[in-house]
Amino acid sequence: MEAGAAGTIWAFDCAQRGQDSAIAVEGGLKLVFPATREGLLGAEVIHAYDLRADPGEERDLALDLGAEGDRIGDVAARLVRDALGLIESRAPISQADLDAADLELFQAMGYAGKGD
């Protein structure tokens, strides 16, 4: 799990919800998204729970958004921007500039191909 902006907790490939899920918890609101770039970009909320009022996650707010719809939509859009900032590459791979010692270290850990 990672802490994002404003104390948000993110979990990707969560065992509780399945490998294709991304979960964000902030201020008592738990949102479940598809763990794909497209799902995140669309701020597609699969499940939503108010953990303060419903700690057992028995009432899925995503099924009947009603009055909560605006709040969930606003939070989801902001959280998605935060999540994409966490998972998007900071620079193209071609711009990685490692000296020979660092490259050898990464290769020893299995992270860099040998001459690839």
N, C-alpha and C. Protein backbone atom coordinates (compact mmCIF):
# COMPACT_ATOMS: atom_id res chain seq x y z
N MET A 1 0.85 -1.17 0.00
CA MET A 1 0.00 0.00 0.00
C MET A 1 0.89 1.24 0.00
N GLU A 2 0.41 2.25 -0.65
CA GLU A 2 1.18 3.50 -0.73
C GLU A 2 0.33 4.65 -0.23
N ALA A 3 0.98 5.57 0.47
CA ALA A 3 0.27 6.78 0.88
C ALA A 3 0.45 7.82 -0.21
N GLY A 4 -0.63 8.39 -0.67
CA GLY A 4 -0.59 9.42 -1.69
C GLY A 4 -0.86 10.77 -1.07
N ALA A 5 -1.35 11.68 -1.87
CA ALA A 5 -1.64 13.04 -1.41
C ALA A 5 -2.74 13.01 -0.35
N ALA A 6 -2.65 13.92 0.59
CA ALA A 6 -3.68 14.13 1.62
C ALA A 6 -3.99 12.88 2.42
N GLY A 7 -2.99 12.01 2.64
CA GLY A 7 -3.21 10.83 3.46
C GLY A 7 -3.98 9.72 2.78
N THR A 8 -4.02 9.71 1.49
CA THR A 8 -4.72 8.66 0.75
C THR A 8 -3.90 7.39 0.80
N ILE A 9 -4.56 6.26 0.99
CA ILE A 9 -3.90 4.96 0.95
C ILE A 9 -4.36 4.26 -0.32
N TRP A 10 -3.40 3.77 -1.10
CA TRP A 10 -3.70 3.04 -2.33
C TRP A 10 -3.23 1.60 -2.20
N ALA A 11 -3.99 0.67 -2.75
CA ALA A 11 -3.58 -0.73 -2.86
C ALA A 11 -3.92 -1.18 -4.27
N PHE A 12 -2.96 -1.79 -4.92
CA PHE A 12 -3.18 -2.32 -6.26
C PHE A 12 -3.11 -3.83 -6.21
N ASP A 13 -3.89 -4.50 -7.05
CA ASP A 13 -3.96 -5.96 -7.07
C ASP A 13 -4.25 -6.48 -5.67
N CYS A 14 -5.25 -5.92 -5.06
CA CYS A 14 -5.62 -6.24 -3.69
C CYS A 14 -6.20 -7.65 -3.58
N ALA A 15 -5.68 -8.46 -2.68
CA ALA A 15 -6.15 -9.84 -2.51
C ALA A 15 -7.63 -9.89 -2.17
N GLN A 16 -8.12 -8.93 -1.42
CA GLN A 16 -9.52 -8.92 -1.01
C GLN A 16 -10.47 -8.69 -2.19
N ARG A 17 -10.06 -7.89 -3.15
CA ARG A 17 -10.95 -7.52 -4.26
C ARG A 17 -10.53 -8.13 -5.60
N GLY A 18 -9.42 -8.81 -5.67
CA GLY A 18 -8.98 -9.43 -6.91
C GLY A 18 -7.81 -8.69 -7.54
N GLN A 19 -7.08 -9.38 -8.38
CA GLN A 19 -5.87 -8.83 -8.95
C GLN A 19 -6.10 -7.66 -9.88
N ASP A 20 -7.28 -7.51 -10.38
CA ASP A 20 -7.54 -6.42 -11.32
C ASP A 20 -8.20 -5.23 -10.64
N SER A 21 -7.88 -5.02 -9.36
CA SER A 21 -8.51 -3.91 -8.65
C SER A 21 -7.48 -2.95 -8.07
N ALA A 22 -7.90 -1.70 -8.00
CA ALA A 22 -7.13 -0.66 -7.33
C ALA A 22 -8.05 -0.05 -6.29
N ILE A 23 -7.56 0.07 -5.07
CA ILE A 23 -8.39 0.57 -3.98
C ILE A 23 -7.76 1.83 -3.42
N ALA A 24 -8.59 2.83 -3.19
CA ALA A 24 -8.15 4.07 -2.55
C ALA A 24 -9.03 4.31 -1.33
N VAL A 25 -8.38 4.66 -0.22
CA VAL A 25 -9.11 4.99 1.00
C VAL A 25 -8.66 6.37 1.43
N GLU A 26 -9.63 7.25 1.61
CA GLU A 26 -9.32 8.61 2.05
C GLU A 26 -10.49 9.15 2.85
N GLY A 27 -10.19 9.66 4.03
CA GLY A 27 -11.21 10.29 4.85
C GLY A 27 -12.44 9.42 5.09
N GLY A 28 -12.24 8.14 5.26
CA GLY A 28 -13.35 7.23 5.50
C GLY A 28 -14.07 6.74 4.26
N LEU A 29 -13.71 7.26 3.10
CA LEU A 29 -14.33 6.84 1.85
C LEU A 29 -13.40 5.84 1.15
N LYS A 30 -13.93 4.67 0.84
CA LYS A 30 -13.17 3.63 0.14
C LYS A 30 -13.73 3.47 -1.25
N LEU A 31 -12.88 3.64 -2.26
CA LEU A 31 -13.29 3.50 -3.66
C LEU A 31 -12.50 2.36 -4.29
N VAL A 32 -13.18 1.55 -5.09
CA VAL A 32 -12.54 0.46 -5.81
C VAL A 32 -12.66 0.75 -7.29
N PHE A 33 -11.50 0.74 -7.97
CA PHE A 33 -11.41 1.02 -9.41
C PHE A 33 -10.87 -0.21 -10.11
N PRO A 34 -11.08 -0.32 -11.43
CA PRO A 34 -10.34 -1.34 -12.19
C PRO A 34 -8.86 -0.93 -12.21
N ALA A 35 -7.97 -1.88 -12.06
CA ALA A 35 -6.54 -1.56 -12.00
C ALA A 35 -5.94 -1.52 -13.40
N THR A 36 -6.56 -0.74 -14.26
CA THR A 36 -6.03 -0.53 -15.60
C THR A 36 -5.92 0.97 -15.82
N ARG A 37 -5.04 1.35 -16.69
CA ARG A 37 -4.89 2.78 -16.99
C ARG A 37 -6.21 3.35 -17.50
N GLU A 38 -6.90 2.59 -18.37
CA GLU A 38 -8.15 3.05 -18.94
C GLU A 38 -9.22 3.20 -17.85
N GLY A 39 -9.28 2.23 -16.95
CA GLY A 39 -10.26 2.29 -15.87
C GLY A 39 -10.01 3.46 -14.94
N LEU A 40 -8.72 3.71 -14.66
CA LEU A 40 -8.39 4.86 -13.82
C LEU A 40 -8.69 6.17 -14.53
N LEU A 41 -8.29 6.26 -15.82
CA LEU A 41 -8.54 7.49 -16.56
C LEU A 41 -10.03 7.84 -16.61
N GLY A 42 -10.87 6.82 -16.68
CA GLY A 42 -12.31 7.05 -16.71
C GLY A 42 -12.90 7.25 -15.33
N ALA A 43 -12.06 7.20 -14.29
CA ALA A 43 -12.52 7.31 -12.89
C ALA A 43 -13.72 6.39 -12.68
N GLU A 44 -13.60 5.19 -13.20
CA GLU A 44 -14.67 4.20 -13.15
C GLU A 44 -14.71 3.55 -11.76
N VAL A 45 -15.63 3.98 -10.93
CA VAL A 45 -15.76 3.44 -9.57
C VAL A 45 -16.61 2.17 -9.62
N ILE A 46 -16.00 1.04 -9.24
CA ILE A 46 -16.71 -0.23 -9.23
C ILE A 46 -17.52 -0.37 -7.94
N HIS A 47 -16.88 -0.03 -6.82
CA HIS A 47 -17.53 -0.08 -5.50
C HIS A 47 -17.13 1.17 -4.73
N ALA A 48 -17.99 1.61 -3.84
CA ALA A 48 -17.70 2.75 -2.97
C ALA A 48 -18.35 2.50 -1.61
N TYR A 49 -17.58 2.75 -0.55
CA TYR A 49 -18.09 2.51 0.80
C TYR A 49 -17.71 3.68 1.70
N ASP A 50 -18.62 4.04 2.59
CA ASP A 50 -18.35 5.01 3.64
C ASP A 50 -17.96 4.19 4.86
N LEU A 51 -16.65 4.04 5.10
CA LEU A 51 -16.17 3.16 6.16
C LEU A 51 -16.52 3.65 7.56
N ARG A 52 -16.77 4.94 7.71
CA ARG A 52 -17.16 5.46 9.03
C ARG A 52 -18.59 5.03 9.38
N ALA A 53 -19.49 5.13 8.42
CA ALA A 53 -20.89 4.77 8.66
C ALA A 53 -21.14 3.28 8.44
N ASP A 54 -20.30 2.63 7.64
CA ASP A 54 -20.51 1.24 7.24
C ASP A 54 -19.18 0.49 7.22
N PRO A 55 -18.58 0.24 8.41
CA PRO A 55 -17.25 -0.41 8.43
C PRO A 55 -17.25 -1.83 7.89
N GLY A 56 -18.41 -2.48 7.84
CA GLY A 56 -18.50 -3.83 7.30
C GLY A 56 -18.68 -3.88 5.79
N GLU A 57 -18.71 -2.71 5.15
CA GLU A 57 -18.87 -2.60 3.69
C GLU A 57 -20.09 -3.36 3.19
N GLU A 58 -21.21 -3.13 3.85
CA GLU A 58 -22.45 -3.80 3.47
C GLU A 58 -23.27 -2.98 2.47
N ARG A 59 -23.08 -1.66 2.45
CA ARG A 59 -23.85 -0.78 1.54
C ARG A 59 -22.91 -0.20 0.50
N ASP A 60 -23.01 -0.71 -0.71
CA ASP A 60 -22.16 -0.25 -1.81
C ASP A 60 -22.77 1.03 -2.39
N LEU A 61 -22.13 2.15 -2.12
CA LEU A 61 -22.64 3.44 -2.58
C LEU A 61 -22.59 3.57 -4.10
N ALA A 62 -21.75 2.78 -4.75
CA ALA A 62 -21.65 2.86 -6.22
C ALA A 62 -22.91 2.32 -6.89
N LEU A 63 -23.68 1.49 -6.18
CA LEU A 63 -24.90 0.93 -6.75
C LEU A 63 -26.03 1.94 -6.78
N ASP A 64 -26.03 2.85 -5.80
CA ASP A 64 -27.09 3.87 -5.71
C ASP A 64 -26.45 5.15 -5.19
N LEU A 65 -25.83 5.89 -6.08
CA LEU A 65 -25.05 7.06 -5.67
C LEU A 65 -25.90 8.13 -5.01
N GLY A 66 -27.06 8.42 -5.52
CA GLY A 66 -27.93 9.43 -4.92
C GLY A 66 -27.18 10.68 -4.52
N ALA A 67 -27.35 11.10 -3.27
CA ALA A 67 -26.74 12.32 -2.77
C ALA A 67 -25.22 12.22 -2.68
N GLU A 68 -24.70 11.01 -2.59
CA GLU A 68 -23.26 10.82 -2.48
C GLU A 68 -22.55 10.91 -3.83
N GLY A 69 -23.30 10.90 -4.91
CA GLY A 69 -22.72 10.84 -6.25
C GLY A 69 -21.72 11.94 -6.54
N ASP A 70 -22.06 13.18 -6.21
CA ASP A 70 -21.15 14.29 -6.49
C ASP A 70 -19.86 14.17 -5.69
N ARG A 71 -20.01 13.84 -4.40
CA ARG A 71 -18.81 13.71 -3.55
C ARG A 71 -17.92 12.58 -4.05
N ILE A 72 -18.51 11.44 -4.36
CA ILE A 72 -17.74 10.30 -4.83
C ILE A 72 -17.07 10.63 -6.16
N GLY A 73 -17.80 11.26 -7.07
CA GLY A 73 -17.23 11.64 -8.36
C GLY A 73 -16.08 12.60 -8.23
N ASP A 74 -16.21 13.60 -7.36
CA ASP A 74 -15.14 14.58 -7.15
C ASP A 74 -13.91 13.92 -6.54
N VAL A 75 -14.13 13.09 -5.52
CA VAL A 75 -13.01 12.41 -4.87
C VAL A 75 -12.36 11.45 -5.85
N ALA A 76 -13.16 10.71 -6.60
CA ALA A 76 -12.61 9.75 -7.57
C ALA A 76 -11.74 10.44 -8.60
N ALA A 77 -12.20 11.55 -9.15
CA ALA A 77 -11.43 12.26 -10.17
C ALA A 77 -10.09 12.74 -9.61
N ARG A 78 -10.11 13.28 -8.40
CA ARG A 78 -8.86 13.76 -7.79
C ARG A 78 -7.92 12.60 -7.46
N LEU A 79 -8.48 11.52 -6.92
CA LEU A 79 -7.66 10.37 -6.57
C LEU A 79 -7.03 9.73 -7.80
N VAL A 80 -7.78 9.71 -8.89
CA VAL A 80 -7.24 9.14 -10.13
C VAL A 80 -6.06 9.97 -10.61
N ARG A 81 -6.16 11.28 -10.55
CA ARG A 81 -5.01 12.12 -10.93
C ARG A 81 -3.80 11.78 -10.06
N ASP A 82 -4.03 11.60 -8.75
CA ASP A 82 -2.94 11.24 -7.84
C ASP A 82 -2.35 9.88 -8.20
N ALA A 83 -3.23 8.91 -8.47
CA ALA A 83 -2.77 7.55 -8.78
C ALA A 83 -1.94 7.52 -10.05
N LEU A 84 -2.41 8.21 -11.07
CA LEU A 84 -1.66 8.24 -12.32
C LEU A 84 -0.29 8.87 -12.11
N GLY A 85 -0.21 9.84 -11.22
CA GLY A 85 1.08 10.43 -10.89
C GLY A 85 2.01 9.44 -10.21
N LEU A 86 1.44 8.49 -9.46
CA LEU A 86 2.24 7.47 -8.80
C LEU A 86 2.73 6.39 -9.75
N ILE A 87 1.90 6.05 -10.75
CA ILE A 87 2.24 4.90 -11.58
C ILE A 87 2.79 5.26 -12.96
N GLU A 88 2.63 6.49 -13.39
CA GLU A 88 3.15 6.88 -14.70
C GLU A 88 4.67 6.98 -14.64
N SER A 89 5.30 6.60 -15.71
CA SER A 89 6.75 6.68 -15.82
C SER A 89 7.19 8.14 -15.75
N ARG A 90 8.27 8.38 -15.06
CA ARG A 90 8.78 9.75 -14.92
C ARG A 90 9.62 10.17 -16.13
N ALA A 91 10.19 9.20 -16.82
CA ALA A 91 11.01 9.51 -17.99
C ALA A 91 11.01 8.29 -18.91
N PRO A 92 11.15 8.52 -20.19
CA PRO A 92 11.26 7.38 -21.10
C PRO A 92 12.46 6.52 -20.72
N ILE A 93 12.32 5.22 -20.90
CA ILE A 93 13.39 4.29 -20.54
C ILE A 93 14.69 4.67 -21.21
N SER A 94 14.62 5.18 -22.42
CA SER A 94 15.83 5.53 -23.17
C SER A 94 16.62 6.64 -22.48
N GLN A 95 16.00 7.37 -21.55
CA GLN A 95 16.70 8.46 -20.89
C GLN A 95 17.37 8.04 -19.59
N ALA A 96 17.22 6.76 -19.20
CA ALA A 96 17.90 6.30 -17.99
C ALA A 96 19.41 6.37 -18.23
N ASP A 97 20.12 7.02 -17.35
CA ASP A 97 21.55 7.20 -17.52
C ASP A 97 22.28 6.58 -16.33
N LEU A 98 22.71 5.33 -16.49
CA LEU A 98 23.40 4.61 -15.42
C LEU A 98 24.86 4.44 -15.78
N ASP A 99 25.70 4.60 -14.77
CA ASP A 99 27.11 4.28 -15.03
C ASP A 99 27.27 2.76 -14.97
N ALA A 100 28.42 2.26 -15.35
CA ALA A 100 28.65 0.82 -15.46
C ALA A 100 28.43 0.10 -14.13
N ALA A 101 28.83 0.72 -13.02
CA ALA A 101 28.67 0.08 -11.70
C ALA A 101 27.20 -0.06 -11.33
N ASP A 102 26.41 1.00 -11.58
CA ASP A 102 24.98 0.93 -11.28
C ASP A 102 24.28 -0.08 -12.17
N LEU A 103 24.64 -0.10 -13.46
CA LEU A 103 24.05 -1.06 -14.39
C LEU A 103 24.34 -2.49 -13.93
N GLU A 104 25.57 -2.74 -13.52
CA GLU A 104 25.96 -4.08 -13.05
C GLU A 104 25.15 -4.45 -11.80
N LEU A 105 24.94 -3.49 -10.90
CA LEU A 105 24.16 -3.73 -9.69
C LEU A 105 22.72 -4.10 -10.04
N PHE A 106 22.10 -3.34 -10.95
CA PHE A 106 20.73 -3.64 -11.36
C PHE A 106 20.64 -4.99 -12.06
N GLN A 107 21.64 -5.32 -12.87
CA GLN A 107 21.64 -6.61 -13.55
C GLN A 107 21.75 -7.75 -12.54
N ALA A 108 22.56 -7.57 -11.50
CA ALA A 108 22.72 -8.59 -10.47
C ALA A 108 21.40 -8.82 -9.72
N MET A 109 20.58 -7.78 -9.62
CA MET A 109 19.28 -7.91 -8.95
C MET A 109 18.20 -8.40 -9.90
N GLY A 110 18.54 -8.54 -11.17
CA GLY A 110 17.57 -9.04 -12.15
C GLY A 110 16.70 -7.99 -12.78
N TYR A 111 17.05 -6.71 -12.61
CA TYR A 111 16.20 -5.63 -13.14
C TYR A 111 16.62 -5.14 -14.52
N ALA A 112 17.80 -5.42 -14.97
CA ALA A 112 18.26 -4.91 -16.28
C ALA A 112 18.81 -6.07 -17.08
N GLY A 113 18.42 -6.13 -18.35
CA GLY A 113 18.93 -7.18 -19.22
C GLY A 113 20.40 -6.97 -19.51
N LYS A 114 21.08 -8.01 -19.87
CA LYS A 114 22.49 -7.92 -20.20
C LYS A 114 22.63 -7.57 -21.67
N GLY A 115 22.84 -6.27 -21.94
CA GLY A 115 23.03 -5.81 -23.30
C GLY A 115 21.75 -5.67 -24.10
N ASP A 116 20.60 -5.76 -23.45
CA ASP A 116 19.31 -5.62 -24.15
C ASP A 116 19.01 -4.19 -24.47
